[in-house]
Structures are given as structure tokens and as C-alpha cells.
Amino acid sequence: MPIVKPISGHTGCGGVFRYLTKDGRALAFDYLNLPAPALEPDEDLPDYAPYDWARDMDATRREAGNDKPWHGKPARTYKHYVLSPDPGDRIELSDLRRLTMA
């Protein structure tokens, strides 16, 4: 059974970016509402030129003023959802992409 875990971030997105891309662990890259390079549906970014989505997300947040504390609490700077399929489910990457992008 896949697990979806929501995580509230209160910092920049750089740490999440490094964690998700560490040692090539990311199986694929898909983007919604980000100025990422145009790719075909089943094409991944080349290893030599990763798209720095953390930089763009942090810049958007700063431009909108959503990086400032509110009533003494740290700003929620992003909501990160982790979809972790069980290897026993034997889901194909194309099916996982359709599910997550829906």
C-alpha cells in the first residue's frame, strides 16, 4: 500500500532538494506550476543539468512575502507531500506518475 506523508516546511527548499536528489535516488522528475525545462511525458532531466526547483520555489515565496514569521511563529514556507509506494505493489513508474500528477 502506498503511503502519502504531508510535511510542513518552515525553511527554504534547498535541504529537501538535496535530500530527494542525493546519490541519484530520485526515479523521475515531474513539475506542476514551475518554470522547469519542457520535457516529454516520459523523459527525465539529464543527469548533468538538474533543474533547481528549490531556487524557484524560494524566490516565488520571497516575492509574495510568504517567508516572514506570523504572530511569532515561523512562516510555513511550503507543504511537501511524500508518496512512498510499497515495492510489493509492483507499480510501474508510468502508473505512479499518472497517480501523483492527478
N, C-alpha and C. Protein backbone atom coordinates (compact mmCIF):
# COMPACT_ATOMS: atom_id res chain seq x y z
N MET A 1 0.85 -1.17 0.00
CA MET A 1 0.00 0.00 0.00
C MET A 1 0.90 1.24 0.00
N PRO A 2 0.65 2.19 -0.89
CA PRO A 2 1.45 3.42 -0.89
C PRO A 2 1.12 4.28 0.33
N ILE A 3 2.09 5.02 0.75
CA ILE A 3 1.92 5.93 1.88
C ILE A 3 2.11 7.35 1.40
N VAL A 4 1.20 8.26 1.78
CA VAL A 4 1.35 9.68 1.49
C VAL A 4 1.58 10.38 2.82
N LYS A 5 2.67 11.12 2.90
CA LYS A 5 3.03 11.81 4.13
C LYS A 5 3.16 13.30 3.86
N PRO A 6 2.29 14.13 4.44
CA PRO A 6 2.44 15.58 4.28
C PRO A 6 3.44 16.12 5.31
N ILE A 7 4.32 17.01 4.85
CA ILE A 7 5.32 17.62 5.72
C ILE A 7 5.24 19.13 5.54
N SER A 8 5.13 19.86 6.63
CA SER A 8 5.13 21.32 6.57
C SER A 8 6.57 21.81 6.69
N GLY A 9 6.99 22.63 5.74
CA GLY A 9 8.34 23.19 5.77
C GLY A 9 8.31 24.60 6.31
N HIS A 10 9.33 24.94 7.09
CA HIS A 10 9.43 26.28 7.66
C HIS A 10 10.76 26.93 7.29
N THR A 11 11.43 26.40 6.30
CA THR A 11 12.73 26.93 5.87
C THR A 11 12.73 26.99 4.34
N GLY A 12 13.87 27.25 3.77
CA GLY A 12 13.99 27.18 2.32
C GLY A 12 13.89 25.74 1.84
N CYS A 13 13.76 25.56 0.55
CA CYS A 13 13.55 24.23 -0.03
C CYS A 13 14.85 23.51 -0.39
N GLY A 14 15.99 24.17 -0.20
CA GLY A 14 17.26 23.58 -0.60
C GLY A 14 17.56 22.26 0.07
N GLY A 15 17.27 22.13 1.36
CA GLY A 15 17.52 20.88 2.07
C GLY A 15 16.68 19.73 1.53
N VAL A 16 15.42 20.02 1.21
CA VAL A 16 14.55 18.99 0.64
C VAL A 16 15.07 18.58 -0.74
N PHE A 17 15.48 19.57 -1.53
CA PHE A 17 16.03 19.29 -2.86
C PHE A 17 17.23 18.36 -2.74
N ARG A 18 18.17 18.69 -1.84
CA ARG A 18 19.37 17.86 -1.68
C ARG A 18 19.00 16.44 -1.21
N TYR A 19 18.05 16.34 -0.28
CA TYR A 19 17.64 15.03 0.22
C TYR A 19 17.02 14.17 -0.90
N LEU A 20 16.13 14.77 -1.66
CA LEU A 20 15.43 14.00 -2.69
C LEU A 20 16.32 13.60 -3.86
N THR A 21 17.36 14.37 -4.12
CA THR A 21 18.23 14.07 -5.26
C THR A 21 19.55 13.43 -4.86
N LYS A 22 19.75 13.18 -3.57
CA LYS A 22 21.01 12.61 -3.08
C LYS A 22 21.31 11.27 -3.73
N ASP A 23 22.54 11.12 -4.18
CA ASP A 23 23.02 9.84 -4.74
C ASP A 23 22.12 9.30 -5.85
N GLY A 24 21.44 10.18 -6.58
CA GLY A 24 20.60 9.73 -7.69
C GLY A 24 19.37 8.95 -7.27
N ARG A 25 18.88 9.15 -6.04
CA ARG A 25 17.76 8.35 -5.54
C ARG A 25 16.44 8.65 -6.22
N ALA A 26 16.29 9.85 -6.81
CA ALA A 26 15.03 10.19 -7.47
C ALA A 26 14.87 9.36 -8.74
N LEU A 27 13.73 8.72 -8.88
CA LEU A 27 13.48 7.89 -10.06
C LEU A 27 13.06 8.72 -11.26
N ALA A 28 12.42 9.87 -11.01
CA ALA A 28 11.91 10.69 -12.10
C ALA A 28 11.65 12.10 -11.57
N PHE A 29 11.42 13.03 -12.47
CA PHE A 29 11.13 14.41 -12.12
C PHE A 29 9.90 14.86 -12.88
N ASP A 30 8.93 15.39 -12.17
CA ASP A 30 7.72 15.95 -12.79
C ASP A 30 7.43 17.27 -12.08
N TYR A 31 6.94 18.26 -12.80
CA TYR A 31 6.73 19.58 -12.22
C TYR A 31 5.37 20.13 -12.60
N LEU A 32 4.73 20.79 -11.64
CA LEU A 32 3.47 21.50 -11.87
C LEU A 32 3.68 22.95 -11.45
N ASN A 33 3.27 23.88 -12.29
CA ASN A 33 3.32 25.31 -11.97
C ASN A 33 4.72 25.80 -11.64
N LEU A 34 5.73 25.24 -12.28
CA LEU A 34 7.11 25.70 -12.13
C LEU A 34 7.70 25.90 -13.53
N PRO A 35 8.63 26.86 -13.67
CA PRO A 35 9.21 27.12 -14.99
C PRO A 35 10.30 26.12 -15.36
N ALA A 36 10.02 24.84 -15.20
CA ALA A 36 11.00 23.80 -15.50
C ALA A 36 11.19 23.67 -17.00
N PRO A 37 12.32 23.11 -17.42
CA PRO A 37 12.52 22.85 -18.85
C PRO A 37 11.41 21.96 -19.40
N ALA A 38 11.00 22.21 -20.61
CA ALA A 38 9.96 21.40 -21.24
C ALA A 38 10.51 20.00 -21.54
N LEU A 39 9.77 18.99 -21.10
CA LEU A 39 10.16 17.60 -21.32
C LEU A 39 8.98 16.82 -21.87
N GLU A 40 9.29 15.75 -22.53
CA GLU A 40 8.25 14.81 -22.94
C GLU A 40 7.73 14.10 -21.69
N PRO A 41 6.50 13.57 -21.71
CA PRO A 41 5.92 12.95 -20.50
C PRO A 41 6.78 11.88 -19.85
N ASP A 42 7.51 11.09 -20.62
CA ASP A 42 8.31 10.01 -20.03
C ASP A 42 9.80 10.32 -20.05
N GLU A 43 10.17 11.60 -20.21
CA GLU A 43 11.56 11.99 -20.27
C GLU A 43 11.98 12.62 -18.93
N ASP A 44 13.14 12.22 -18.44
CA ASP A 44 13.67 12.79 -17.21
C ASP A 44 14.72 13.84 -17.56
N LEU A 45 14.99 14.73 -16.60
CA LEU A 45 16.05 15.72 -16.81
C LEU A 45 17.38 15.00 -16.93
N PRO A 46 18.26 15.50 -17.78
CA PRO A 46 19.58 14.86 -17.89
C PRO A 46 20.35 14.99 -16.58
N ASP A 47 21.20 14.01 -16.30
CA ASP A 47 21.97 14.00 -15.06
C ASP A 47 22.88 15.22 -14.94
N TYR A 48 23.34 15.75 -16.04
CA TYR A 48 24.32 16.83 -16.00
C TYR A 48 23.69 18.21 -15.77
N ALA A 49 22.38 18.34 -15.85
CA ALA A 49 21.76 19.66 -15.69
C ALA A 49 20.48 19.57 -14.87
N PRO A 50 20.58 19.30 -13.56
CA PRO A 50 19.35 19.22 -12.77
C PRO A 50 18.67 20.58 -12.68
N TYR A 51 17.38 20.57 -12.73
CA TYR A 51 16.60 21.79 -12.58
C TYR A 51 16.50 22.13 -11.10
N ASP A 52 16.90 23.32 -10.73
CA ASP A 52 16.91 23.73 -9.33
C ASP A 52 15.55 24.30 -8.95
N TRP A 53 14.58 23.42 -8.73
CA TRP A 53 13.23 23.86 -8.39
C TRP A 53 13.19 24.52 -7.02
N ALA A 54 14.10 24.16 -6.13
CA ALA A 54 14.13 24.78 -4.79
C ALA A 54 14.40 26.28 -4.92
N ARG A 55 15.32 26.65 -5.79
CA ARG A 55 15.64 28.06 -6.01
C ARG A 55 14.41 28.82 -6.48
N ASP A 56 13.68 28.25 -7.44
CA ASP A 56 12.50 28.92 -7.98
C ASP A 56 11.37 29.00 -6.96
N MET A 57 11.18 27.94 -6.18
CA MET A 57 10.13 27.97 -5.15
C MET A 57 10.46 28.99 -4.07
N ASP A 58 11.72 29.05 -3.64
CA ASP A 58 12.12 30.03 -2.63
C ASP A 58 11.97 31.46 -3.15
N ALA A 59 12.33 31.69 -4.40
CA ALA A 59 12.20 33.03 -4.99
C ALA A 59 10.74 33.45 -5.06
N THR A 60 9.87 32.55 -5.46
CA THR A 60 8.44 32.85 -5.55
C THR A 60 7.88 33.19 -4.18
N ARG A 61 8.28 32.42 -3.18
CA ARG A 61 7.81 32.67 -1.82
C ARG A 61 8.27 34.04 -1.33
N ARG A 62 9.54 34.37 -1.56
CA ARG A 62 10.06 35.68 -1.14
C ARG A 62 9.33 36.82 -1.84
N GLU A 63 9.12 36.68 -3.15
CA GLU A 63 8.44 37.72 -3.93
C GLU A 63 7.01 37.95 -3.44
N ALA A 64 6.38 36.90 -2.95
CA ALA A 64 5.00 37.01 -2.46
C ALA A 64 4.95 37.42 -0.98
N GLY A 65 6.11 37.53 -0.33
CA GLY A 65 6.15 37.92 1.07
C GLY A 65 5.75 36.81 2.03
N ASN A 66 5.82 35.57 1.58
CA ASN A 66 5.41 34.44 2.42
C ASN A 66 6.56 33.80 3.17
N ASP A 67 7.63 34.54 3.40
CA ASP A 67 8.76 33.99 4.12
C ASP A 67 8.97 34.68 5.47
N LYS A 68 7.99 35.43 5.89
CA LYS A 68 8.10 36.20 7.13
C LYS A 68 7.31 35.51 8.26
N PRO A 69 7.86 35.54 9.48
CA PRO A 69 7.11 34.95 10.62
C PRO A 69 5.77 35.66 10.81
N TRP A 70 4.83 34.95 11.40
CA TRP A 70 3.49 35.49 11.62
C TRP A 70 3.11 35.25 13.07
N HIS A 71 2.84 36.30 13.80
CA HIS A 71 2.48 36.22 15.22
C HIS A 71 3.49 35.39 16.02
N GLY A 72 4.78 35.60 15.71
CA GLY A 72 5.83 34.92 16.45
C GLY A 72 6.10 33.49 16.04
N LYS A 73 5.36 32.99 15.07
CA LYS A 73 5.58 31.62 14.61
C LYS A 73 6.29 31.65 13.27
N PRO A 74 7.14 30.65 13.00
CA PRO A 74 7.83 30.64 11.71
C PRO A 74 6.83 30.47 10.56
N ALA A 75 7.14 31.12 9.47
CA ALA A 75 6.27 31.01 8.31
C ALA A 75 6.27 29.59 7.77
N ARG A 76 5.10 29.11 7.35
CA ARG A 76 5.06 27.83 6.64
C ARG A 76 5.44 28.17 5.21
N THR A 77 6.59 27.73 4.81
CA THR A 77 7.11 28.13 3.51
C THR A 77 6.73 27.20 2.38
N TYR A 78 6.36 26.00 2.71
CA TYR A 78 5.89 25.07 1.67
C TYR A 78 5.23 23.87 2.34
N LYS A 79 4.47 23.14 1.57
CA LYS A 79 3.88 21.87 2.00
C LYS A 79 4.44 20.82 1.06
N HIS A 80 5.09 19.83 1.61
CA HIS A 80 5.78 18.80 0.85
C HIS A 80 5.03 17.48 1.07
N TYR A 81 4.67 16.83 -0.01
CA TYR A 81 3.98 15.54 0.09
C TYR A 81 4.90 14.45 -0.41
N VAL A 82 5.11 13.44 0.41
CA VAL A 82 5.94 12.31 0.02
C VAL A 82 5.01 11.15 -0.30
N LEU A 83 5.12 10.64 -1.51
CA LEU A 83 4.37 9.46 -1.92
C LEU A 83 5.36 8.31 -1.97
N SER A 84 5.18 7.34 -1.10
CA SER A 84 6.13 6.25 -0.97
C SER A 84 5.44 4.93 -1.26
N PRO A 85 5.53 4.44 -2.49
CA PRO A 85 4.87 3.17 -2.82
C PRO A 85 5.61 1.98 -2.19
N ASP A 86 4.86 0.97 -1.87
CA ASP A 86 5.42 -0.26 -1.35
C ASP A 86 5.99 -1.05 -2.53
N PRO A 87 7.24 -1.48 -2.48
CA PRO A 87 7.80 -2.27 -3.58
C PRO A 87 6.97 -3.51 -3.91
N GLY A 88 6.25 -4.03 -2.91
CA GLY A 88 5.39 -5.20 -3.14
C GLY A 88 4.22 -4.91 -4.06
N ASP A 89 3.87 -3.63 -4.20
CA ASP A 89 2.78 -3.27 -5.10
C ASP A 89 3.17 -3.39 -6.57
N ARG A 90 4.46 -3.41 -6.83
CA ARG A 90 4.97 -3.56 -8.19
C ARG A 90 4.36 -2.55 -9.17
N ILE A 91 4.26 -1.30 -8.75
CA ILE A 91 3.69 -0.27 -9.61
C ILE A 91 4.76 0.19 -10.60
N GLU A 92 4.37 0.37 -11.83
CA GLU A 92 5.28 0.86 -12.86
C GLU A 92 5.44 2.37 -12.70
N LEU A 93 6.59 2.89 -13.09
CA LEU A 93 6.85 4.32 -12.97
C LEU A 93 5.80 5.13 -13.73
N SER A 94 5.39 4.70 -14.90
CA SER A 94 4.39 5.44 -15.67
C SER A 94 3.05 5.51 -14.91
N ASP A 95 2.67 4.43 -14.22
CA ASP A 95 1.42 4.43 -13.45
C ASP A 95 1.56 5.32 -12.21
N LEU A 96 2.73 5.28 -11.57
CA LEU A 96 2.97 6.13 -10.42
C LEU A 96 2.92 7.60 -10.80
N ARG A 97 3.49 7.93 -11.96
CA ARG A 97 3.44 9.33 -12.44
C ARG A 97 2.01 9.78 -12.67
N ARG A 98 1.21 8.95 -13.30
CA ARG A 98 -0.20 9.31 -13.55
C ARG A 98 -0.91 9.55 -12.24
N LEU A 99 -0.68 8.71 -11.25
CA LEU A 99 -1.32 8.86 -9.95
C LEU A 99 -0.90 10.16 -9.27
N THR A 100 0.41 10.42 -9.20
CA THR A 100 0.88 11.61 -8.49
C THR A 100 0.50 12.90 -9.21
N MET A 101 0.49 12.90 -10.52
CA MET A 101 0.16 14.12 -11.26
C MET A 101 -1.34 14.38 -11.27
N ALA A 102 -2.14 13.34 -11.02
CA ALA A 102 -3.60 13.54 -10.97
C ALA A 102 -3.96 14.29 -9.71
